Amino acid sequence: MSTVTKLLLPLALAAAISACSKPADTAAPAAPADTTAAAPAEAAAAPAAPEVAPIQVASGTYKLDPTHTDVLVQWTHMGFSNPSAHFGNVDGTLVYDAADVTKSSVEVTLPLSGLNAFTAKFDEHLRSADFFDAAKFPTATFKSTKVEAAGTNKLTVSGDLTVKGTTKPVTLDVTINGAGEHPMLKLPSVGFDATTTLKRSDFGVGAYAPAVSDEVKVRITTEASIPKAE
């Protein structure tokens, strides 16, 4: 064996061993699996909200319970706060016709003696001629002109609101909270919430607007029962 062959042979063997030990060409990465089909069926559609059961209100003439009736008004004071006041000692009658709700009606009287803004000095100011002039106009009243169904346990009640001798139409969005025999009174009873928004300047109570917001939010909650026959 020649000297050149002796030198080249180890190199050839090394090259052969290296070629055998070289890993195969890396395969192209597989396309990501389509997981859309594997998504749970419930993820495709959110579960439907449970249906609200209609509340059955007995027909009859109900007397509002002043202890559990509150008319709360709220406004914005110069952009700094959102004070509120409420009308208590409310007196009212609700006539409800379950067969034809459009034949229902409501009449309410709000004595300004029950006006409470949670500060005695402010109460006096609200009752003054600057606002309600309670000495001359001691009550506010609401008398419905139309009652309509507005969905499950919902009503729309339109009527005339009279404040400070001025009468304007107002619409209440009403929710029936519950109905049935009152657990304490043992009388057919019903409870409502209602909301509306109005402008106090429409009723001559617009002092300091617009610094004090002209728009007033009104929230009402009430219970009423059919009195026992005398």
C-alpha atoms as a PDB file:
ATOM      1  CA  MET A   1       0.000   0.000   0.000  1.00  0.00           C
ATOM      2  CA  SER A   2       1.410   3.334  -1.050  1.00  0.00           C
ATOM      3  CA  THR A   3       2.035   6.146   1.370  1.00  0.00           C
ATOM      4  CA  VAL A   4      -0.663   8.301  -0.305  1.00  0.00           C
ATOM      5  CA  THR A   5      -3.215   5.512   0.079  1.00  0.00           C
ATOM      6  CA  LYS A   6      -2.367   5.140   3.733  1.00  0.00           C
ATOM      7  CA  LEU A   7      -2.990   8.868   4.234  1.00  0.00           C
ATOM      8  CA  LEU A   8      -6.275   9.013   2.263  1.00  0.00           C
ATOM      9  CA  LEU A   9      -7.850   5.878   3.712  1.00  0.00           C
ATOM     10  CA  PRO A  10      -8.520   7.333   7.221  1.00  0.00           C
ATOM     11  CA  LEU A  11     -10.009  10.448   5.644  1.00  0.00           C
ATOM     12  CA  ALA A  12     -12.374   8.360   3.498  1.00  0.00           C
ATOM     13  CA  LEU A  13     -13.478   6.290   6.461  1.00  0.00           C
ATOM     14  CA  ALA A  14     -14.155   9.433   8.509  1.00  0.00           C
ATOM     15  CA  ALA A  15     -16.232  10.904   5.693  1.00  0.00           C
ATOM     16  CA  ALA A  16     -18.277   7.697   5.381  1.00  0.00           C
ATOM     17  CA  ILE A  17     -18.945   7.537   9.111  1.00  0.00           C
ATOM     18  CA  SER A  18     -19.959  11.208   9.122  1.00  0.00           C
ATOM     19  CA  ALA A  19     -22.365  10.663   6.223  1.00  0.00           C
ATOM     20  CA  CYS A  20     -24.006   7.707   7.933  1.00  0.00           C
ATOM     21  CA  SER A  21     -24.459   9.543  11.195  1.00  0.00           C
ATOM     22  CA  LYS A  22     -25.929  12.751   9.609  1.00  0.00           C
ATOM     23  CA  PRO A  23     -29.662  13.087  10.439  1.00  0.00           C
ATOM     24  CA  ALA A  24     -32.129  12.981   7.596  1.00  0.00           C
ATOM     25  CA  ASP A  25     -33.325  16.289   6.221  1.00  0.00           C
ATOM     26  CA  THR A  26     -35.772  17.892   8.654  1.00  0.00           C
ATOM     27  CA  ALA A  27     -39.277  17.387   7.440  1.00  0.00           C
ATOM     28  CA  ALA A  28     -41.387  20.484   6.744  1.00  0.00           C
ATOM     29  CA  PRO A  29     -43.478  21.431   9.792  1.00  0.00           C
ATOM     30  CA  ALA A  30     -46.978  20.002   9.694  1.00  0.00           C
ATOM     31  CA  ALA A  31     -49.830  22.435   9.207  1.00  0.00           C
ATOM     32  CA  PRO A  32     -51.563  23.254  12.501  1.00  0.00           C
ATOM     33  CA  ALA A  33     -54.567  21.103  13.172  1.00  0.00           C
ATOM     34  CA  ASP A  34     -57.954  22.724  12.632  1.00  0.00           C
ATOM     35  CA  THR A  35     -59.369  22.918  16.148  1.00  0.00           C
ATOM     36  CA  THR A  36     -62.523  24.724  15.108  1.00  0.00           C
ATOM     37  CA  ALA A  37     -64.422  21.511  14.565  1.00  0.00           C
ATOM     38  CA  ALA A  38     -63.303  20.249  17.948  1.00  0.00           C
ATOM     39  CA  ALA A  39     -64.649  23.275  19.832  1.00  0.00           C
ATOM     40  CA  PRO A  40     -67.436  22.364  22.236  1.00  0.00           C
ATOM     41  CA  ALA A  41     -70.882  22.826  20.789  1.00  0.00           C
ATOM     42  CA  GLU A  42     -71.936  24.968  23.743  1.00  0.00           C
ATOM     43  CA  ALA A  43     -69.249  27.526  22.868  1.00  0.00           C
ATOM     44  CA  ALA A  44     -70.976  28.217  19.562  1.00  0.00           C
ATOM     45  CA  ALA A  45     -74.045  29.679  21.235  1.00  0.00           C
ATOM     46  CA  ALA A  46     -74.504  31.175  24.692  1.00  0.00           C
ATOM     47  CA  PRO A  47     -77.267  29.598  26.768  1.00  0.00           C
ATOM     48  CA  ALA A  48     -80.562  31.428  26.522  1.00  0.00           C
ATOM     49  CA  ALA A  49     -81.608  33.461  29.544  1.00  0.00           C
ATOM     50  CA  PRO A  50     -84.415  31.847  31.528  1.00  0.00           C
ATOM     51  CA  GLU A  51     -87.855  33.184  30.715  1.00  0.00           C
ATOM     52  CA  VAL A  52     -89.436  35.473  33.283  1.00  0.00           C
ATOM     53  CA  ALA A  53     -92.694  34.093  34.642  1.00  0.00           C
ATOM     54  CA  PRO A  54     -95.621  36.509  34.368  1.00  0.00           C
ATOM     55  CA  ILE A  55     -96.903  37.785  37.713  1.00  0.00           C
ATOM     56  CA  GLN A  56    -100.647  37.351  38.178  1.00  0.00           C
ATOM     57  CA  VAL A  57    -102.218  40.466  39.709  1.00  0.00           C
ATOM     58  CA  ALA A  58    -105.762  40.117  40.996  1.00  0.00           C
ATOM     59  CA  SER A  59    -108.331  42.573  39.681  1.00  0.00           C
ATOM     60  CA  GLY A  60    -109.604  45.069  42.205  1.00  0.00           C
ATOM     61  CA  THR A  61    -109.231  48.482  43.772  1.00  0.00           C
ATOM     62  CA  TYR A  62    -105.994  48.785  45.746  1.00  0.00           C
ATOM     63  CA  LYS A  63    -105.056  51.339  48.373  1.00  0.00           C
ATOM     64  CA  LEU A  64    -101.429  52.491  48.364  1.00  0.00           C
ATOM     65  CA  ASP A  65     -99.498  51.812  51.571  1.00  0.00           C
ATOM     66  CA  PRO A  66     -97.784  55.106  52.528  1.00  0.00           C
ATOM     67  CA  THR A  67     -95.382  53.251  54.815  1.00  0.00           C
ATOM     68  CA  HIS A  68     -93.966  51.361  51.840  1.00  0.00           C
ATOM     69  CA  THR A  69     -94.383  53.994  49.137  1.00  0.00           C
ATOM     70  CA  ASP A  70     -91.595  56.392  48.252  1.00  0.00           C
ATOM     71  CA  VAL A  71     -91.178  58.907  45.442  1.00  0.00           C
ATOM     72  CA  LEU A  72     -87.483  59.716  45.150  1.00  0.00           C
ATOM     73  CA  VAL A  73     -86.166  62.563  42.968  1.00  0.00           C
ATOM     74  CA  GLN A  74     -82.516  63.147  42.096  1.00  0.00           C
ATOM     75  CA  TRP A  75     -80.677  65.939  40.294  1.00  0.00           C
ATOM     76  CA  THR A  76     -77.146  67.186  39.633  1.00  0.00           C
ATOM     77  CA  HIS A  77     -75.805  70.056  41.739  1.00  0.00           C
ATOM     78  CA  MET A  78     -73.363  72.160  39.691  1.00  0.00           C
ATOM     79  CA  GLY A  79     -71.613  69.035  38.441  1.00  0.00           C
ATOM     80  CA  PHE A  80     -70.276  68.232  41.901  1.00  0.00           C
ATOM     81  CA  SER A  81     -72.897  65.971  43.483  1.00  0.00           C
ATOM     82  CA  ASN A  82     -76.180  64.200  42.863  1.00  0.00           C
ATOM     83  CA  PRO A  83     -78.476  65.045  45.789  1.00  0.00           C
ATOM     84  CA  SER A  84     -81.906  63.544  46.286  1.00  0.00           C
ATOM     85  CA  ALA A  85     -85.150  64.225  48.083  1.00  0.00           C
ATOM     86  CA  HIS A  86     -88.227  62.127  48.620  1.00  0.00           C
ATOM     87  CA  PHE A  87     -91.954  62.572  48.956  1.00  0.00           C
ATOM     88  CA  GLY A  88     -93.536  60.558  51.747  1.00  0.00           C
ATOM     89  CA  ASN A  89     -97.041  60.252  53.235  1.00  0.00           C
ATOM     90  CA  VAL A  90     -98.303  59.411  49.758  1.00  0.00           C
ATOM     91  CA  ASP A  91    -102.025  58.756  49.370  1.00  0.00           C
ATOM     92  CA  GLY A  92    -103.348  56.909  46.355  1.00  0.00           C
ATOM     93  CA  THR A  93    -105.691  54.404  44.743  1.00  0.00           C
ATOM     94  CA  LEU A  94    -104.928  51.853  42.055  1.00  0.00           C
ATOM     95  CA  VAL A  95    -107.629  50.136  40.016  1.00  0.00           C
ATOM     96  CA  TYR A  96    -106.282  47.039  38.282  1.00  0.00           C
ATOM     97  CA  ASP A  97    -108.135  45.044  35.605  1.00  0.00           C
ATOM     98  CA  ALA A  98    -106.368  41.746  34.944  1.00  0.00           C
ATOM     99  CA  ALA A  99    -108.638  40.900  32.007  1.00  0.00           C
ATOM    100  CA  ASP A 100    -107.952  44.200  30.239  1.00  0.00           C
ATOM    101  CA  VAL A 101    -105.033  46.147  31.663  1.00  0.00           C
ATOM    102  CA  THR A 102    -105.984  49.202  29.579  1.00  0.00           C
ATOM    103  CA  LYS A 103    -108.960  49.645  31.900  1.00  0.00           C
ATOM    104  CA  SER A 104    -106.641  50.066  34.876  1.00  0.00           C
ATOM    105  CA  SER A 105    -105.971  53.458  36.454  1.00  0.00           C
ATOM    106  CA  VAL A 106    -104.119  55.190  39.274  1.00  0.00           C
ATOM    107  CA  GLU A 107    -104.536  58.426  41.225  1.00  0.00           C
ATOM    108  CA  VAL A 108    -101.932  59.687  43.680  1.00  0.00           C
ATOM    109  CA  THR A 109    -101.631  62.698  45.968  1.00  0.00           C
ATOM    110  CA  LEU A 110     -98.221  63.751  47.285  1.00  0.00           C
ATOM    111  CA  PRO A 111     -98.497  66.164  50.237  1.00  0.00           C
ATOM    112  CA  LEU A 112     -95.541  68.524  50.366  1.00  0.00           C
ATOM    113  CA  SER A 113     -95.576  68.108  54.131  1.00  0.00           C
ATOM    114  CA  GLY A 114     -93.935  64.760  53.375  1.00  0.00           C
ATOM    115  CA  LEU A 115     -91.108  66.330  51.333  1.00  0.00           C
ATOM    116  CA  ASN A 116     -87.765  65.424  52.890  1.00  0.00           C
ATOM    117  CA  ALA A 117     -84.358  66.397  51.507  1.00  0.00           C
ATOM    118  CA  PHE A 118     -82.591  65.029  54.613  1.00  0.00           C
ATOM    119  CA  THR A 119     -81.609  68.491  55.900  1.00  0.00           C
ATOM    120  CA  ALA A 120     -84.139  70.650  57.741  1.00  0.00           C
ATOM    121  CA  LYS A 121     -82.814  73.937  56.326  1.00  0.00           C
ATOM    122  CA  PHE A 122     -82.936  72.603  52.781  1.00  0.00           C
ATOM    123  CA  ASP A 123     -86.450  71.232  53.368  1.00  0.00           C
ATOM    124  CA  GLU A 124     -87.576  74.757  54.239  1.00  0.00           C
ATOM    125  CA  HIS A 125     -85.930  76.143  51.095  1.00  0.00           C
ATOM    126  CA  LEU A 126     -87.623  73.567  48.855  1.00  0.00           C
ATOM    127  CA  ARG A 127     -91.014  74.387  50.374  1.00  0.00           C
ATOM    128  CA  SER A 128     -90.444  78.124  49.900  1.00  0.00           C
ATOM    129  CA  ALA A 129     -91.673  80.218  46.960  1.00  0.00           C
ATOM    130  CA  ASP A 130     -88.264  79.660  45.283  1.00  0.00           C
ATOM    131  CA  PHE A 131     -89.361  76.114  44.555  1.00  0.00           C
ATOM    132  CA  PHE A 132     -92.665  74.403  45.486  1.00  0.00           C
ATOM    133  CA  ASP A 133     -94.359  77.281  47.343  1.00  0.00           C
ATOM    134  CA  ALA A 134     -95.977  74.711  49.628  1.00  0.00           C
ATOM    135  CA  ALA A 135     -97.975  77.299  51.557  1.00  0.00           C
ATOM    136  CA  LYS A 136     -99.923  78.092  48.383  1.00  0.00           C
ATOM    137  CA  PHE A 137     -99.735  74.670  46.699  1.00  0.00           C
ATOM    138  CA  PRO A 138     -99.667  72.078  49.514  1.00  0.00           C
ATOM    139  CA  THR A 139     -99.941  68.989  47.298  1.00  0.00           C
ATOM    140  CA  ALA A 140     -98.789  67.537  44.005  1.00  0.00           C
ATOM    141  CA  THR A 141    -100.985  65.027  42.167  1.00  0.00           C
ATOM    142  CA  PHE A 142    -100.768  62.400  39.439  1.00  0.00           C
ATOM    143  CA  LYS A 143    -103.777  61.006  37.573  1.00  0.00           C
ATOM    144  CA  SER A 144    -103.355  58.380  34.875  1.00  0.00           C
ATOM    145  CA  THR A 145    -104.845  58.821  31.409  1.00  0.00           C
ATOM    146  CA  LYS A 146    -103.656  55.559  29.841  1.00  0.00           C
ATOM    147  CA  VAL A 147    -102.282  52.200  31.034  1.00  0.00           C
ATOM    148  CA  GLU A 148    -100.689  49.800  28.536  1.00  0.00           C
ATOM    149  CA  ALA A 149     -98.898  46.452  28.721  1.00  0.00           C
ATOM    150  CA  ALA A 150     -95.204  46.792  27.841  1.00  0.00           C
ATOM    151  CA  GLY A 151     -93.933  43.201  28.074  1.00  0.00           C
ATOM    152  CA  THR A 152     -93.821  40.548  30.773  1.00  0.00           C
ATOM    153  CA  ASN A 153     -94.476  42.237  34.136  1.00  0.00           C
ATOM    154  CA  LYS A 154     -94.052  45.643  32.502  1.00  0.00           C
ATOM    155  CA  LEU A 155     -96.511  48.515  32.074  1.00  0.00           C
ATOM    156  CA  THR A 156     -96.450  51.978  30.588  1.00  0.00           C
ATOM    157  CA  VAL A 157     -98.570  54.434  32.555  1.00  0.00           C
ATOM    158  CA  SER A 158     -99.233  57.860  31.075  1.00  0.00           C
ATOM    159  CA  GLY A 159    -100.909  60.591  33.036  1.00  0.00           C
ATOM    160  CA  ASP A 160    -101.120  64.192  34.172  1.00  0.00           C
ATOM    161  CA  LEU A 161     -98.742  65.445  36.853  1.00  0.00           C
ATOM    162  CA  THR A 162     -99.756  68.645  38.622  1.00  0.00           C
ATOM    163  CA  VAL A 163     -97.125  70.573  40.579  1.00  0.00           C
ATOM    164  CA  LYS A 164     -97.432  74.162  41.770  1.00  0.00           C
ATOM    165  CA  GLY A 165    -100.668  74.593  39.850  1.00  0.00           C
ATOM    166  CA  THR A 166     -99.130  73.467  36.528  1.00  0.00           C
ATOM    167  CA  THR A 167    -100.253  70.252  34.826  1.00  0.00           C
ATOM    168  CA  LYS A 168     -98.059  68.407  32.305  1.00  0.00           C
ATOM    169  CA  PRO A 169     -98.167  64.918  30.762  1.00  0.00           C
ATOM    170  CA  VAL A 170     -95.747  62.368  32.235  1.00  0.00           C
ATOM    171  CA  THR A 171     -95.067  58.743  31.265  1.00  0.00           C
ATOM    172  CA  LEU A 172     -93.961  56.149  33.821  1.00  0.00           C
ATOM    173  CA  ASP A 173     -92.098  52.936  32.983  1.00  0.00           C
ATOM    174  CA  VAL A 174     -93.521  50.451  35.472  1.00  0.00           C
ATOM    175  CA  THR A 175     -92.287  47.052  36.668  1.00  0.00           C
ATOM    176  CA  ILE A 176     -94.542  44.689  38.606  1.00  0.00           C
ATOM    177  CA  ASN A 177     -92.387  43.362  41.453  1.00  0.00           C
ATOM    178  CA  GLY A 178     -94.788  40.865  42.971  1.00  0.00           C
ATOM    179  CA  ALA A 179     -98.414  40.088  43.728  1.00  0.00           C
ATOM    180  CA  GLY A 180    -100.411  37.755  45.945  1.00  0.00           C
ATOM    181  CA  GLU A 181    -101.605  37.549  49.511  1.00  0.00           C
ATOM    182  CA  HIS A 182     -99.587  39.814  51.771  1.00  0.00           C
ATOM    183  CA  PRO A 183     -97.964  37.584  54.422  1.00  0.00           C
ATOM    184  CA  MET A 184     -98.750  40.043  57.237  1.00  0.00           C
ATOM    185  CA  LEU A 185    -101.935  41.781  56.126  1.00  0.00           C
ATOM    186  CA  LYS A 186    -103.508  38.657  54.645  1.00  0.00           C
ATOM    187  CA  LEU A 187    -104.903  40.820  51.848  1.00  0.00           C
ATOM    188  CA  PRO A 188    -104.483  40.691  48.048  1.00  0.00           C
ATOM    189  CA  SER A 189    -101.480  42.917  47.439  1.00  0.00           C
ATOM    190  CA  VAL A 190     -99.179  44.082  44.680  1.00  0.00           C
ATOM    191  CA  GLY A 191     -95.866  45.935  44.474  1.00  0.00           C
ATOM    192  CA  PHE A 192     -94.519  48.153  41.708  1.00  0.00           C
ATOM    193  CA  ASP A 193     -91.440  50.163  40.795  1.00  0.00           C
ATOM    194  CA  ALA A 194     -91.604  53.014  38.287  1.00  0.00           C
ATOM    195  CA  THR A 195     -89.214  55.502  36.714  1.00  0.00           C
ATOM    196  CA  THR A 196     -89.424  58.662  34.658  1.00  0.00           C
ATOM    197  CA  THR A 197     -87.410  61.773  33.865  1.00  0.00           C
ATOM    198  CA  LEU A 198     -88.857  65.278  33.789  1.00  0.00           C
ATOM    199  CA  LYS A 199     -87.844  68.923  33.681  1.00  0.00           C
ATOM    200  CA  ARG A 200     -88.593  70.837  36.838  1.00  0.00           C
ATOM    201  CA  SER A 201     -88.806  74.101  34.903  1.00  0.00           C
ATOM    202  CA  ASP A 202     -91.926  72.706  33.195  1.00  0.00           C
ATOM    203  CA  PHE A 203     -93.631  72.926  36.588  1.00  0.00           C
ATOM    204  CA  GLY A 204     -92.344  76.317  37.725  1.00  0.00           C
ATOM    205  CA  VAL A 205     -89.705  74.796  40.010  1.00  0.00           C
ATOM    206  CA  GLY A 206     -86.687  75.617  37.850  1.00  0.00           C
ATOM    207  CA  ALA A 207     -84.691  77.890  40.157  1.00  0.00           C
ATOM    208  CA  TYR A 208     -80.912  77.960  39.542  1.00  0.00           C
ATOM    209  CA  ALA A 209     -81.081  75.964  36.302  1.00  0.00           C
ATOM    210  CA  PRO A 210     -78.933  75.022  34.489  1.00  0.00           C
ATOM    211  CA  ALA A 211     -76.247  75.187  37.208  1.00  0.00           C
ATOM    212  CA  VAL A 212     -78.550  72.928  39.174  1.00  0.00           C
ATOM    213  CA  SER A 213     -79.811  70.472  36.600  1.00  0.00           C
ATOM    214  CA  ASP A 214     -83.219  71.148  35.139  1.00  0.00           C
ATOM    215  CA  GLU A 215     -83.625  67.434  34.427  1.00  0.00           C
ATOM    216  CA  VAL A 216     -84.751  65.385  37.406  1.00  0.00           C
ATOM    217  CA  LYS A 217     -84.771  61.592  37.653  1.00  0.00           C
ATOM    218  CA  VAL A 218     -87.778  60.124  39.451  1.00  0.00           C
ATOM    219  CA  ARG A 219     -87.898  56.649  41.012  1.00  0.00           C
ATOM    220  CA  ILE A 220     -91.035  55.306  42.638  1.00  0.00           C
ATOM    221  CA  THR A 221     -91.574  52.183  44.695  1.00  0.00           C
ATOM    222  CA  THR A 222     -94.926  51.241  46.187  1.00  0.00           C
ATOM    223  CA  GLU A 223     -97.047  48.521  47.724  1.00  0.00           C
ATOM    224  CA  ALA A 224    -100.832  48.442  47.618  1.00  0.00           C
ATOM    225  CA  SER A 225    -103.534  46.154  48.994  1.00  0.00           C
ATOM    226  CA  ILE A 226    -107.250  45.614  48.502  1.00  0.00           C
ATOM    227  CA  PRO A 227    -108.849  46.700  51.779  1.00  0.00           C
ATOM    228  CA  LYS A 228    -111.244  44.403  53.592  1.00  0.00           C
ATOM    229  CA  ALA A 229    -114.867  45.121  52.836  1.00  0.00           C
ATOM    230  CA  GLU A 230    -116.501  47.015  55.665  1.00  0.00           C
END
